[in-house]
Amino acid sequence: MPALPCHQTASILPLRWQNWLLGAIAVLFLWLGPWMMPQAIAAPCRTIAGDRICIEQITRSAKNYWEYRLTLSRNGQRQAPAIYNCRDRRWQQASQSPAFAEDGIGDWLCRTLSARTSEGKKV
């Protein structure tokens, strides 16, 4: 097969059709992209005593690994940040430090967060 000059390339489609095809593919990806993307992982939620409780924001203490600073939402209303101490089973908000209620939010949070960290997932 003879060599082609530098300005010519072997192509099935003429250049104008190549540009049109690339443009159509780009538009198709931009149009279908949001539907082809996997859904984001939703915030963990649970219904406790008739209230829908969701974890909005989590920060784990670097010094005390058993403490989590959490912002929760209760029935869609964002709550003030609180510190949950999973070792002593207490939580602290606005200088109050009550113990966890049996099968309440604190127990659920500590079970959920310890399971996530032991699986190697980021919290």
PDB file of N, CA and C in Angstrom:
ATOM      1  N   MET A   1       0.848  -1.170   0.000  1.00  0.00           N
ATOM      2  CA  MET A   1       0.000   0.000   0.000  1.00  0.00           C
ATOM      3  C   MET A   1       0.893   1.233   0.000  1.00  0.00           C
ATOM      4  N   PRO A   2       0.620   2.164  -0.877  1.00  0.00           N
ATOM      5  CA  PRO A   2       1.472   3.352  -0.950  1.00  0.00           C
ATOM      6  C   PRO A   2       1.231   4.264   0.249  1.00  0.00           C
ATOM      7  N   ALA A   3       2.263   4.948   0.671  1.00  0.00           N
ATOM      8  CA  ALA A   3       2.165   5.877   1.802  1.00  0.00           C
ATOM      9  C   ALA A   3       1.356   7.099   1.396  1.00  0.00           C
ATOM     10  N   LEU A   4       0.567   7.609   2.319  1.00  0.00           N
ATOM     11  CA  LEU A   4      -0.250   8.794   2.064  1.00  0.00           C
ATOM     12  C   LEU A   4       0.556  10.041   2.399  1.00  0.00           C
ATOM     13  N   PRO A   5       0.307  11.125   1.675  1.00  0.00           N
ATOM     14  CA  PRO A   5       0.977  12.376   2.033  1.00  0.00           C
ATOM     15  C   PRO A   5       0.573  12.807   3.444  1.00  0.00           C
ATOM     16  N   CYS A   6       1.350  13.702   4.025  1.00  0.00           N
ATOM     17  CA  CYS A   6       1.144  14.112   5.414  1.00  0.00           C
ATOM     18  C   CYS A   6      -0.229  14.717   5.657  1.00  0.00           C
ATOM     19  N   HIS A   7      -0.796  15.416   4.699  1.00  0.00           N
ATOM     20  CA  HIS A   7      -2.062  16.089   4.923  1.00  0.00           C
ATOM     21  C   HIS A   7      -3.265  15.182   4.680  1.00  0.00           C
ATOM     22  N   GLN A   8      -3.076  13.983   4.227  1.00  0.00           N
ATOM     23  CA  GLN A   8      -4.175  13.061   3.997  1.00  0.00           C
ATOM     24  C   GLN A   8      -4.107  11.915   5.003  1.00  0.00           C
ATOM     25  N   THR A   9      -5.264  11.476   5.434  1.00  0.00           N
ATOM     26  CA  THR A   9      -5.341  10.324   6.324  1.00  0.00           C
ATOM     27  C   THR A   9      -6.393   9.373   5.790  1.00  0.00           C
ATOM     28  N   ALA A  10      -6.230   8.122   6.108  1.00  0.00           N
ATOM     29  CA  ALA A  10      -7.220   7.139   5.693  1.00  0.00           C
ATOM     30  C   ALA A  10      -8.447   7.296   6.589  1.00  0.00           C
ATOM     31  N   SER A  11      -9.624   7.480   5.987  1.00  0.00           N
ATOM     32  CA  SER A  11     -10.841   7.698   6.751  1.00  0.00           C
ATOM     33  C   SER A  11     -12.020   7.077   6.022  1.00  0.00           C
ATOM     34  N   ILE A  12     -12.961   6.606   6.800  1.00  0.00           N
ATOM     35  CA  ILE A  12     -14.168   6.032   6.214  1.00  0.00           C
ATOM     36  C   ILE A  12     -15.139   7.144   5.853  1.00  0.00           C
ATOM     37  N   LEU A  13     -15.242   8.159   6.720  1.00  0.00           N
ATOM     38  CA  LEU A  13     -16.169   9.263   6.520  1.00  0.00           C
ATOM     39  C   LEU A  13     -15.410  10.524   6.131  1.00  0.00           C
ATOM     40  N   PRO A  14     -16.047  11.376   5.322  1.00  0.00           N
ATOM     41  CA  PRO A  14     -15.428  12.675   5.044  1.00  0.00           C
ATOM     42  C   PRO A  14     -15.342  13.501   6.334  1.00  0.00           C
ATOM     43  N   LEU A  15     -14.473  14.480   6.346  1.00  0.00           N
ATOM     44  CA  LEU A  15     -14.210  15.271   7.544  1.00  0.00           C
ATOM     45  C   LEU A  15     -15.464  15.950   8.080  1.00  0.00           C
ATOM     46  N   ARG A  16     -16.322  16.494   7.208  1.00  0.00           N
ATOM     47  CA  ARG A  16     -17.520  17.188   7.694  1.00  0.00           C
ATOM     48  C   ARG A  16     -18.457  16.224   8.407  1.00  0.00           C
ATOM     49  N   TRP A  17     -18.531  14.975   7.964  1.00  0.00           N
ATOM     50  CA  TRP A  17     -19.376  13.980   8.629  1.00  0.00           C
ATOM     51  C   TRP A  17     -18.744  13.531   9.943  1.00  0.00           C
ATOM     52  N   GLN A  18     -17.428  13.502  10.001  1.00  0.00           N
ATOM     53  CA  GLN A  18     -16.753  13.154  11.255  1.00  0.00           C
ATOM     54  C   GLN A  18     -17.057  14.204  12.324  1.00  0.00           C
ATOM     55  N   ASN A  19     -16.973  15.474  11.954  1.00  0.00           N
ATOM     56  CA  ASN A  19     -17.269  16.548  12.906  1.00  0.00           C
ATOM     57  C   ASN A  19     -18.723  16.489  13.366  1.00  0.00           C
ATOM     58  N   TRP A  20     -19.642  16.240  12.426  1.00  0.00           N
ATOM     59  CA  TRP A  20     -21.058  16.147  12.772  1.00  0.00           C
ATOM     60  C   TRP A  20     -21.297  14.977  13.720  1.00  0.00           C
ATOM     61  N   LEU A  21     -20.677  13.842  13.445  1.00  0.00           N
ATOM     62  CA  LEU A  21     -20.851  12.655  14.281  1.00  0.00           C
ATOM     63  C   LEU A  21     -20.290  12.889  15.690  1.00  0.00           C
ATOM     64  N   LEU A  22     -19.115  13.497  15.780  1.00  0.00           N
ATOM     65  CA  LEU A  22     -18.548  13.805  17.098  1.00  0.00           C
ATOM     66  C   LEU A  22     -19.432  14.781  17.867  1.00  0.00           C
ATOM     67  N   GLY A  23     -19.975  15.769  17.190  1.00  0.00           N
ATOM     68  CA  GLY A  23     -20.882  16.714  17.835  1.00  0.00           C
ATOM     69  C   GLY A  23     -22.154  16.038  18.323  1.00  0.00           C
ATOM     70  N   ALA A  24     -22.708  15.142  17.519  1.00  0.00           N
ATOM     71  CA  ALA A  24     -23.926  14.425  17.916  1.00  0.00           C
ATOM     72  C   ALA A  24     -23.661  13.531  19.121  1.00  0.00           C
ATOM     73  N   ILE A  25     -22.521  12.877  19.149  1.00  0.00           N
ATOM     74  CA  ILE A  25     -22.170  12.024  20.294  1.00  0.00           C
ATOM     75  C   ILE A  25     -21.987  12.875  21.549  1.00  0.00           C
ATOM     76  N   ALA A  26     -21.341  14.034  21.416  1.00  0.00           N
ATOM     77  CA  ALA A  26     -21.145  14.912  22.571  1.00  0.00           C
ATOM     78  C   ALA A  26     -22.485  15.402  23.117  1.00  0.00           C
ATOM     79  N   VAL A  27     -23.398  15.799  22.231  1.00  0.00           N
ATOM     80  CA  VAL A  27     -24.720  16.253  22.674  1.00  0.00           C
ATOM     81  C   VAL A  27     -25.468  15.115  23.344  1.00  0.00           C
ATOM     82  N   LEU A  28     -25.363  13.919  22.800  1.00  0.00           N
ATOM     83  CA  LEU A  28     -26.036  12.758  23.382  1.00  0.00           C
ATOM     84  C   LEU A  28     -25.520  12.483  24.796  1.00  0.00           C
ATOM     85  N   PHE A  29     -24.200  12.536  24.989  1.00  0.00           N
ATOM     86  CA  PHE A  29     -23.638  12.314  26.325  1.00  0.00           C
ATOM     87  C   PHE A  29     -24.049  13.421  27.297  1.00  0.00           C
ATOM     88  N   LEU A  30     -24.065  14.665  26.829  1.00  0.00           N
ATOM     89  CA  LEU A  30     -24.486  15.757  27.707  1.00  0.00           C
ATOM     90  C   LEU A  30     -25.960  15.640  28.071  1.00  0.00           C
ATOM     91  N   TRP A  31     -26.775  15.161  27.142  1.00  0.00           N
ATOM     92  CA  TRP A  31     -28.204  15.038  27.391  1.00  0.00           C
ATOM     93  C   TRP A  31     -28.512  13.837  28.278  1.00  0.00           C
ATOM     94  N   LEU A  32     -27.831  12.705  28.041  1.00  0.00           N
ATOM     95  CA  LEU A  32     -28.091  11.485  28.803  1.00  0.00           C
ATOM     96  C   LEU A  32     -27.209  11.349  30.039  1.00  0.00           C
ATOM     97  N   GLY A  33     -26.188  12.163  30.165  1.00  0.00           N
ATOM     98  CA  GLY A  33     -25.236  12.044  31.265  1.00  0.00           C
ATOM     99  C   GLY A  33     -25.846  11.984  32.646  1.00  0.00           C
ATOM    100  N   PRO A  34     -26.736  12.923  32.995  1.00  0.00           N
ATOM    101  CA  PRO A  34     -27.318  12.870  34.344  1.00  0.00           C
ATOM    102  C   PRO A  34     -28.101  11.590  34.624  1.00  0.00           C
ATOM    103  N   TRP A  35     -28.709  11.013  33.608  1.00  0.00           N
ATOM    104  CA  TRP A  35     -29.483   9.789  33.826  1.00  0.00           C
ATOM    105  C   TRP A  35     -28.606   8.551  33.848  1.00  0.00           C
ATOM    106  N   MET A  36     -27.431   8.640  33.263  1.00  0.00           N
ATOM    107  CA  MET A  36     -26.528   7.493  33.243  1.00  0.00           C
ATOM    108  C   MET A  36     -25.634   7.459  34.478  1.00  0.00           C
ATOM    109  N   MET A  37     -25.553   8.580  35.196  1.00  0.00           N
ATOM    110  CA  MET A  37     -24.716   8.638  36.390  1.00  0.00           C
ATOM    111  C   MET A  37     -25.363   7.852  37.522  1.00  0.00           C
ATOM    112  N   PRO A  38     -24.573   7.196  38.350  1.00  0.00           N
ATOM    113  CA  PRO A  38     -25.164   6.512  39.502  1.00  0.00           C
ATOM    114  C   PRO A  38     -25.691   7.533  40.505  1.00  0.00           C
ATOM    115  N   GLN A  39     -26.721   7.158  41.211  1.00  0.00           N
ATOM    116  CA  GLN A  39     -27.309   8.048  42.201  1.00  0.00           C
ATOM    117  C   GLN A  39     -26.354   8.215  43.378  1.00  0.00           C
ATOM    118  N   ALA A  40     -26.356   9.396  43.961  1.00  0.00           N
ATOM    119  CA  ALA A  40     -25.535   9.644  45.146  1.00  0.00           C
ATOM    120  C   ALA A  40     -26.105   8.857  46.320  1.00  0.00           C
ATOM    121  N   ILE A  41     -25.241   8.487  47.224  1.00  0.00           N
ATOM    122  CA  ILE A  41     -25.690   7.755  48.398  1.00  0.00           C
ATOM    123  C   ILE A  41     -26.417   8.737  49.315  1.00  0.00           C
ATOM    124  N   ALA A  42     -27.619   8.404  49.654  1.00  0.00           N
ATOM    125  CA  ALA A  42     -28.436   9.283  50.486  1.00  0.00           C
ATOM    126  C   ALA A  42     -27.952   9.248  51.930  1.00  0.00           C
ATOM    127  N   ALA A  43     -28.308  10.276  52.645  1.00  0.00           N
ATOM    128  CA  ALA A  43     -27.962  10.328  54.064  1.00  0.00           C
ATOM    129  C   ALA A  43     -28.685   9.209  54.800  1.00  0.00           C
ATOM    130  N   PRO A  44     -27.997   8.533  55.719  1.00  0.00           N
ATOM    131  CA  PRO A  44     -28.666   7.481  56.485  1.00  0.00           C
ATOM    132  C   PRO A  44     -29.796   8.074  57.327  1.00  0.00           C
ATOM    133  N   CYS A  45     -30.951   7.481  57.205  1.00  0.00           N
ATOM    134  CA  CYS A  45     -32.126   7.953  57.939  1.00  0.00           C
ATOM    135  C   CYS A  45     -32.784   6.781  58.654  1.00  0.00           C
ATOM    136  N   ARG A  46     -33.532   7.119  59.689  1.00  0.00           N
ATOM    137  CA  ARG A  46     -34.278   6.102  60.429  1.00  0.00           C
ATOM    138  C   ARG A  46     -35.450   6.775  61.126  1.00  0.00           C
ATOM    139  N   THR A  47     -36.527   6.046  61.247  1.00  0.00           N
ATOM    140  CA  THR A  47     -37.688   6.548  61.969  1.00  0.00           C
ATOM    141  C   THR A  47     -37.604   6.061  63.408  1.00  0.00           C
ATOM    142  N   ILE A  48     -37.526   7.005  64.343  1.00  0.00           N
ATOM    143  CA  ILE A  48     -37.443   6.696  65.770  1.00  0.00           C
ATOM    144  C   ILE A  48     -38.541   7.480  66.473  1.00  0.00           C
ATOM    145  N   ALA A  49     -39.406   6.765  67.172  1.00  0.00           N
ATOM    146  CA  ALA A  49     -40.522   7.359  67.926  1.00  0.00           C
ATOM    147  C   ALA A  49     -41.375   8.267  67.044  1.00  0.00           C
ATOM    148  N   GLY A  50     -41.592   7.855  65.801  1.00  0.00           N
ATOM    149  CA  GLY A  50     -42.438   8.622  64.896  1.00  0.00           C
ATOM    150  C   GLY A  50     -41.746   9.776  64.202  1.00  0.00           C
ATOM    151  N   ASP A  51     -40.477  10.033  64.498  1.00  0.00           N
ATOM    152  CA  ASP A  51     -39.721  11.111  63.864  1.00  0.00           C
ATOM    153  C   ASP A  51     -38.743  10.533  62.860  1.00  0.00           C
ATOM    154  N   ARG A  52     -38.614  11.186  61.709  1.00  0.00           N
ATOM    155  CA  ARG A  52     -37.645  10.780  60.693  1.00  0.00           C
ATOM    156  C   ARG A  52     -36.329  11.481  61.012  1.00  0.00           C
ATOM    157  N   ILE A  53     -35.308  10.708  61.426  1.00  0.00           N
ATOM    158  CA  ILE A  53     -34.004  11.245  61.826  1.00  0.00           C
ATOM    159  C   ILE A  53     -32.998  10.925  60.725  1.00  0.00           C
ATOM    160  N   CYS A  54     -32.310  11.935  60.207  1.00  0.00           N
ATOM    161  CA  CYS A  54     -31.300  11.748  59.163  1.00  0.00           C
ATOM    162  C   CYS A  54     -29.986  12.395  59.606  1.00  0.00           C
ATOM    163  N   ILE A  55     -28.870  11.752  59.264  1.00  0.00           N
ATOM    164  CA  ILE A  55     -27.542  12.307  59.541  1.00  0.00           C
ATOM    165  C   ILE A  55     -27.213  13.282  58.418  1.00  0.00           C
ATOM    166  N   GLU A  56     -27.038  14.549  58.750  1.00  0.00           N
ATOM    167  CA  GLU A  56     -26.735  15.572  57.756  1.00  0.00           C
ATOM    168  C   GLU A  56     -25.228  15.772  57.591  1.00  0.00           C
ATOM    169  N   GLN A  57     -24.510  15.864  58.709  1.00  0.00           N
ATOM    170  CA  GLN A  57     -23.072  16.131  58.663  1.00  0.00           C
ATOM    171  C   GLN A  57     -22.399  15.379  59.802  1.00  0.00           C
ATOM    172  N   ILE A  58     -21.235  14.785  59.489  1.00  0.00           N
ATOM    173  CA  ILE A  58     -20.499  14.006  60.484  1.00  0.00           C
ATOM    174  C   ILE A  58     -19.061  14.495  60.524  1.00  0.00           C
ATOM    175  N   THR A  59     -18.536  14.677  61.729  1.00  0.00           N
ATOM    176  CA  THR A  59     -17.111  14.936  61.920  1.00  0.00           C
ATOM    177  C   THR A  59     -16.656  14.050  63.067  1.00  0.00           C
ATOM    178  N   ARG A  60     -15.639  13.247  62.806  1.00  0.00           N
ATOM    179  CA  ARG A  60     -15.118  12.362  63.845  1.00  0.00           C
ATOM    180  C   ARG A  60     -13.955  13.046  64.544  1.00  0.00           C
ATOM    181  N   SER A  61     -13.914  12.940  65.847  1.00  0.00           N
ATOM    182  CA  SER A  61     -12.846  13.554  66.624  1.00  0.00           C
ATOM    183  C   SER A  61     -11.529  12.828  66.352  1.00  0.00           C
ATOM    184  N   ALA A  62     -10.472  13.591  66.096  1.00  0.00           N
ATOM    185  CA  ALA A  62      -9.162  12.981  65.878  1.00  0.00           C
ATOM    186  C   ALA A  62      -8.549  12.535  67.203  1.00  0.00           C
ATOM    187  N   LYS A  63      -8.814  13.277  68.250  1.00  0.00           N
ATOM    188  CA  LYS A  63      -8.241  12.954  69.552  1.00  0.00           C
ATOM    189  C   LYS A  63      -9.000  11.814  70.228  1.00  0.00           C
ATOM    190  N   ASN A  64     -10.314  11.882  70.230  1.00  0.00           N
ATOM    191  CA  ASN A  64     -11.157  10.863  70.861  1.00  0.00           C
ATOM    192  C   ASN A  64     -11.958  10.170  69.763  1.00  0.00           C
ATOM    193  N   TYR A  65     -11.458   9.057  69.284  1.00  0.00           N
ATOM    194  CA  TYR A  65     -12.061   8.405  68.120  1.00  0.00           C
ATOM    195  C   TYR A  65     -13.483   7.924  68.379  1.00  0.00           C
ATOM    196  N   TRP A  66     -13.904   7.853  69.626  1.00  0.00           N
ATOM    197  CA  TRP A  66     -15.254   7.395  69.954  1.00  0.00           C
ATOM    198  C   TRP A  66     -16.263   8.542  69.950  1.00  0.00           C
ATOM    199  N   GLU A  67     -15.799   9.766  69.706  1.00  0.00           N
ATOM    200  CA  GLU A  67     -16.691  10.921  69.680  1.00  0.00           C
ATOM    201  C   GLU A  67     -16.976  11.351  68.249  1.00  0.00           C
ATOM    202  N   TYR A  68     -18.230  11.658  68.002  1.00  0.00           N
ATOM    203  CA  TYR A  68     -18.669  12.142  66.700  1.00  0.00           C
ATOM    204  C   TYR A  68     -19.417  13.453  66.896  1.00  0.00           C
ATOM    205  N   ARG A  69     -19.077  14.440  66.083  1.00  0.00           N
ATOM    206  CA  ARG A  69     -19.824  15.697  66.072  1.00  0.00           C
ATOM    207  C   ARG A  69     -20.801  15.592  64.904  1.00  0.00           C
ATOM    208  N   LEU A  70     -22.077  15.629  65.232  1.00  0.00           N
ATOM    209  CA  LEU A  70     -23.104  15.380  64.231  1.00  0.00           C
ATOM    210  C   LEU A  70     -24.090  16.528  64.140  1.00  0.00           C
ATOM    211  N   THR A  71     -24.560  16.727  62.934  1.00  0.00           N
ATOM    212  CA  THR A  71     -25.714  17.580  62.704  1.00  0.00           C
ATOM    213  C   THR A  71     -26.790  16.668  62.141  1.00  0.00           C
ATOM    214  N   LEU A  72     -27.918  16.611  62.817  1.00  0.00           N
ATOM    215  CA  LEU A  72     -29.026  15.748  62.420  1.00  0.00           C
ATOM    216  C   LEU A  72     -30.174  16.595  61.903  1.00  0.00           C
ATOM    217  N   SER A  73     -31.048  15.962  61.133  1.00  0.00           N
ATOM    218  CA  SER A  73     -32.317  16.600  60.790  1.00  0.00           C
ATOM    219  C   SER A  73     -33.431  15.723  61.333  1.00  0.00           C
ATOM    220  N   ARG A  74     -34.395  16.367  61.941  1.00  0.00           N
ATOM    221  CA  ARG A  74     -35.556  15.664  62.501  1.00  0.00           C
ATOM    222  C   ARG A  74     -36.775  16.139  61.719  1.00  0.00           C
ATOM    223  N   ASN A  75     -37.383  15.214  60.978  1.00  0.00           N
ATOM    224  CA  ASN A  75     -38.540  15.518  60.122  1.00  0.00           C
ATOM    225  C   ASN A  75     -38.235  16.672  59.166  1.00  0.00           C
ATOM    226  N   GLY A  76     -37.024  16.678  58.611  1.00  0.00           N
ATOM    227  CA  GLY A  76     -36.624  17.692  57.638  1.00  0.00           C
ATOM    228  C   GLY A  76     -36.099  18.980  58.238  1.00  0.00           C
ATOM    229  N   GLN A  77     -36.174  19.166  59.539  1.00  0.00           N
ATOM    230  CA  GLN A  77     -35.686  20.373  60.208  1.00  0.00           C
ATOM    231  C   GLN A  77     -34.293  20.111  60.767  1.00  0.00           C
ATOM    232  N   ARG A  78     -33.333  20.916  60.338  1.00  0.00           N
ATOM    233  CA  ARG A  78     -31.956  20.734  60.791  1.00  0.00           C
ATOM    234  C   ARG A  78     -31.830  21.105  62.264  1.00  0.00           C
ATOM    235  N   GLN A  79     -31.147  20.241  63.018  1.00  0.00           N
ATOM    236  CA  GLN A  79     -30.957  20.438  64.456  1.00  0.00           C
ATOM    237  C   GLN A  79     -29.587  21.077  64.712  1.00  0.00           C
ATOM    238  N   ALA A  80     -29.394  21.578  65.911  1.00  0.00           N
ATOM    239  CA  ALA A  80     -28.099  22.141  66.305  1.00  0.00           C
ATOM    240  C   ALA A  80     -27.074  21.007  66.406  1.00  0.00           C
ATOM    241  N   PRO A  81     -25.802  21.280  66.108  1.00  0.00           N
ATOM    242  CA  PRO A  81     -24.779  20.230  66.216  1.00  0.00           C
ATOM    243  C   PRO A  81     -24.674  19.698  67.645  1.00  0.00           C
ATOM    244  N   ALA A  82     -24.369  18.417  67.759  1.00  0.00           N
ATOM    245  CA  ALA A  82     -24.221  17.772  69.066  1.00  0.00           C
ATOM    246  C   ALA A  82     -23.041  16.817  69.003  1.00  0.00           C
ATOM    247  N   ILE A  83     -22.456  16.530  70.164  1.00  0.00           N
ATOM    248  CA  ILE A  83     -21.338  15.586  70.265  1.00  0.00           C
ATOM    249  C   ILE A  83     -21.877  14.293  70.858  1.00  0.00           C
ATOM    250  N   TYR A  84     -21.687  13.193  70.138  1.00  0.00           N
ATOM    251  CA  TYR A  84     -22.129  11.876  70.610  1.00  0.00           C
ATOM    252  C   TYR A  84     -20.905  11.081  71.027  1.00  0.00           C
ATOM    253  N   ASN A  85     -20.864  10.670  72.290  1.00  0.00           N
ATOM    254  CA  ASN A  85     -19.763   9.908  72.859  1.00  0.00           C
ATOM    255  C   ASN A  85     -20.199   8.439  72.892  1.00  0.00           C
ATOM    256  N   CYS A  86     -19.698   7.653  71.941  1.00  0.00           N
ATOM    257  CA  CYS A  86     -20.124   6.250  71.832  1.00  0.00           C
ATOM    258  C   CYS A  86     -19.489   5.371  72.908  1.00  0.00           C
ATOM    259  N   ARG A  87     -18.402   5.793  73.520  1.00  0.00           N
ATOM    260  CA  ARG A  87     -17.772   4.994  74.576  1.00  0.00           C
ATOM    261  C   ARG A  87     -18.568   5.072  75.873  1.00  0.00           C
ATOM    262  N   ASP A  88     -18.930   6.273  76.287  1.00  0.00           N
ATOM    263  CA  ASP A  88     -19.655   6.466  77.545  1.00  0.00           C
ATOM    264  C   ASP A  88     -21.169   6.499  77.357  1.00  0.00           C
ATOM    265  N   ARG A  89     -21.629   6.379  76.100  1.00  0.00           N
ATOM    266  CA  ARG A  89     -23.056   6.380  75.764  1.00  0.00           C
ATOM    267  C   ARG A  89     -23.750   7.643  76.280  1.00  0.00           C
ATOM    268  N   ARG A  90     -23.140   8.797  75.947  1.00  0.00           N
ATOM    269  CA  ARG A  90     -23.712  10.085  76.325  1.00  0.00           C
ATOM    270  C   ARG A  90     -23.636  11.006  75.112  1.00  0.00           C
ATOM    271  N   TRP A  91     -24.445  12.039  75.119  1.00  0.00           N
ATOM    272  CA  TRP A  91     -24.353  13.063  74.089  1.00  0.00           C
ATOM    273  C   TRP A  91     -24.395  14.427  74.745  1.00  0.00           C
ATOM    274  N   GLN A  92     -23.807  15.405  74.071  1.00  0.00           N
ATOM    275  CA  GLN A  92     -23.663  16.734  74.659  1.00  0.00           C
ATOM    276  C   GLN A  92     -24.156  17.770  73.662  1.00  0.00           C
ATOM    277  N   GLN A  93     -25.050  18.616  74.156  1.00  0.00           N
ATOM    278  CA  GLN A  93     -25.541  19.720  73.342  1.00  0.00           C
ATOM    279  C   GLN A  93     -25.895  20.869  74.273  1.00  0.00           C
ATOM    280  N   ALA A  94     -25.317  22.018  74.030  1.00  0.00           N
ATOM    281  CA  ALA A  94     -25.580  23.222  74.833  1.00  0.00           C
ATOM    282  C   ALA A  94     -25.377  22.955  76.322  1.00  0.00           C
ATOM    283  N   SER A  95     -24.231  22.422  76.673  1.00  0.00           N
ATOM    284  CA  SER A  95     -23.774  22.147  78.042  1.00  0.00           C
ATOM    285  C   SER A  95     -24.616  21.114  78.787  1.00  0.00           C
ATOM    286  N   GLN A  96     -25.511  20.416  78.113  1.00  0.00           N
ATOM    287  CA  GLN A  96     -26.229  19.292  78.711  1.00  0.00           C
ATOM    288  C   GLN A  96     -25.541  18.012  78.262  1.00  0.00           C
ATOM    289  N   SER A  97     -25.532  17.002  79.117  1.00  0.00           N
ATOM    290  CA  SER A  97     -24.872  15.747  78.779  1.00  0.00           C
ATOM    291  C   SER A  97     -25.693  14.550  79.266  1.00  0.00           C
ATOM    292  N   PRO A  98     -26.885  14.337  78.696  1.00  0.00           N
ATOM    293  CA  PRO A  98     -27.703  13.202  79.133  1.00  0.00           C
ATOM    294  C   PRO A  98     -27.201  11.884  78.547  1.00  0.00           C
ATOM    295  N   ALA A  99     -27.598  10.786  79.180  1.00  0.00           N
ATOM    296  CA  ALA A  99     -27.247   9.451  78.682  1.00  0.00           C
ATOM    297  C   ALA A  99     -28.146   9.110  77.496  1.00  0.00           C
ATOM    298  N   PHE A 100     -27.689   8.144  76.688  1.00  0.00           N
ATOM    299  CA  PHE A 100     -28.488   7.677  75.558  1.00  0.00           C
ATOM    300  C   PHE A 100     -29.770   7.032  76.069  1.00  0.00           C
ATOM    301  N   ALA A 101     -30.860   7.261  75.378  1.00  0.00           N
ATOM    302  CA  ALA A 101     -32.105   6.547  75.676  1.00  0.00           C
ATOM    303  C   ALA A 101     -31.996   5.140  75.078  1.00  0.00           C
ATOM    304  N   GLU A 102     -32.654   4.183  75.694  1.00  0.00           N
ATOM    305  CA  GLU A 102     -32.616   2.801  75.210  1.00  0.00           C
ATOM    306  C   GLU A 102     -33.232   2.739  73.813  1.00  0.00           C
ATOM    307  N   ASP A 103     -32.518   2.139  72.864  1.00  0.00           N
ATOM    308  CA  ASP A 103     -32.945   2.034  71.460  1.00  0.00           C
ATOM    309  C   ASP A 103     -33.297   3.400  70.874  1.00  0.00           C
ATOM    310  N   GLY A 104     -32.530   4.405  71.218  1.00  0.00           N
ATOM    311  CA  GLY A 104     -32.792   5.756  70.731  1.00  0.00           C
ATOM    312  C   GLY A 104     -31.810   6.162  69.644  1.00  0.00           C
ATOM    313  N   ILE A 105     -31.714   7.455  69.445  1.00  0.00           N
ATOM    314  CA  ILE A 105     -30.869   8.007  68.390  1.00  0.00           C
ATOM    315  C   ILE A 105     -29.399   7.693  68.636  1.00  0.00           C
ATOM    316  N   GLY A 106     -28.929   7.851  69.873  1.00  0.00           N
ATOM    317  CA  GLY A 106     -27.514   7.623  70.179  1.00  0.00           C
ATOM    318  C   GLY A 106     -27.077   6.207  69.878  1.00  0.00           C
ATOM    319  N   ASP A 107     -27.883   5.222  70.279  1.00  0.00           N
ATOM    320  CA  ASP A 107     -27.539   3.826  69.983  1.00  0.00           C
ATOM    321  C   ASP A 107     -27.477   3.588  68.482  1.00  0.00           C
ATOM    322  N   TRP A 108     -28.475   4.095  67.769  1.00  0.00           N
ATOM    323  CA  TRP A 108     -28.504   3.903  66.316  1.00  0.00           C
ATOM    324  C   TRP A 108     -27.298   4.565  65.647  1.00  0.00           C
ATOM    325  N   LEU A 109     -26.958   5.798  66.060  1.00  0.00           N
ATOM    326  CA  LEU A 109     -25.821   6.501  65.471  1.00  0.00           C
ATOM    327  C   LEU A 109     -24.521   5.744  65.708  1.00  0.00           C
ATOM    328  N   CYS A 110     -24.294   5.305  66.933  1.00  0.00           N
ATOM    329  CA  CYS A 110     -23.039   4.612  67.243  1.00  0.00           C
ATOM    330  C   CYS A 110     -22.944   3.283  66.495  1.00  0.00           C
ATOM    331  N   ARG A 111     -24.049   2.555  66.390  1.00  0.00           N
ATOM    332  CA  ARG A 111     -24.033   1.301  65.620  1.00  0.00           C
ATOM    333  C   ARG A 111     -23.754   1.579  64.149  1.00  0.00           C
ATOM    334  N   THR A 112     -24.415   2.588  63.588  1.00  0.00           N
ATOM    335  CA  THR A 112     -24.255   2.923  62.170  1.00  0.00           C
ATOM    336  C   THR A 112     -22.839   3.394  61.880  1.00  0.00           C
ATOM    337  N   LEU A 113     -22.311   4.290  62.707  1.00  0.00           N
ATOM    338  CA  LEU A 113     -20.993   4.859  62.452  1.00  0.00           C
ATOM    339  C   LEU A 113     -19.883   3.857  62.707  1.00  0.00           C
ATOM    340  N   SER A 114     -20.004   3.017  63.728  1.00  0.00           N
ATOM    341  CA  SER A 114     -18.954   2.027  63.974  1.00  0.00           C
ATOM    342  C   SER A 114     -18.956   0.971  62.876  1.00  0.00           C
ATOM    343  N   ALA A 115     -20.109   0.635  62.326  1.00  0.00           N
ATOM    344  CA  ALA A 115     -20.168  -0.325  61.222  1.00  0.00           C
ATOM    345  C   ALA A 115     -19.518   0.258  59.978  1.00  0.00           C
ATOM    346  N   ARG A 116     -19.730   1.539  59.719  1.00  0.00           N
ATOM    347  CA  ARG A 116     -19.134   2.170  58.540  1.00  0.00           C
ATOM    348  C   ARG A 116     -17.622   2.266  58.658  1.00  0.00           C
ATOM    349  N   THR A 117     -17.113   2.604  59.833  1.00  0.00           N
ATOM    350  CA  THR A 117     -15.667   2.744  59.974  1.00  0.00           C
ATOM    351  C   THR A 117     -14.984   1.388  59.974  1.00  0.00           C
ATOM    352  N   SER A 118     -15.646   0.354  60.480  1.00  0.00           N
ATOM    353  CA  SER A 118     -15.014  -0.967  60.485  1.00  0.00           C
ATOM    354  C   SER A 118     -14.994  -1.580  59.092  1.00  0.00           C
ATOM    355  N   GLU A 119     -15.889  -1.137  58.191  1.00  0.00           N
ATOM    356  CA  GLU A 119     -15.889  -1.624  56.815  1.00  0.00           C
ATOM    357  C   GLU A 119     -14.874  -0.885  55.962  1.00  0.00           C
ATOM    358  N   GLY A 120     -14.242   0.143  56.497  1.00  0.00           N
ATOM    359  CA  GLY A 120     -13.244   0.894  55.748  1.00  0.00           C
ATOM    360  C   GLY A 120     -13.838   2.025  54.931  1.00  0.00           C
ATOM    361  N   LYS A 121     -15.102   2.340  55.127  1.00  0.00           N
ATOM    362  CA  LYS A 121     -15.732   3.423  54.392  1.00  0.00           C
ATOM    363  C   LYS A 121     -15.430   4.739  55.082  1.00  0.00           C
ATOM    364  N   LYS A 122     -15.391   5.794  54.272  1.00  0.00           N
ATOM    365  CA  LYS A 122     -15.204   7.119  54.855  1.00  0.00           C
ATOM    366  C   LYS A 122     -16.486   7.546  55.524  1.00  0.00           C
ATOM    367  N   VAL A 123     -16.335   8.196  56.644  1.00  0.00           N
ATOM    368  CA  VAL A 123     -17.501   8.701  57.370  1.00  0.00           C
ATOM    369  C   VAL A 123     -17.470  10.199  57.316  1.00  0.00           C
TER     370      VAL A 123
END
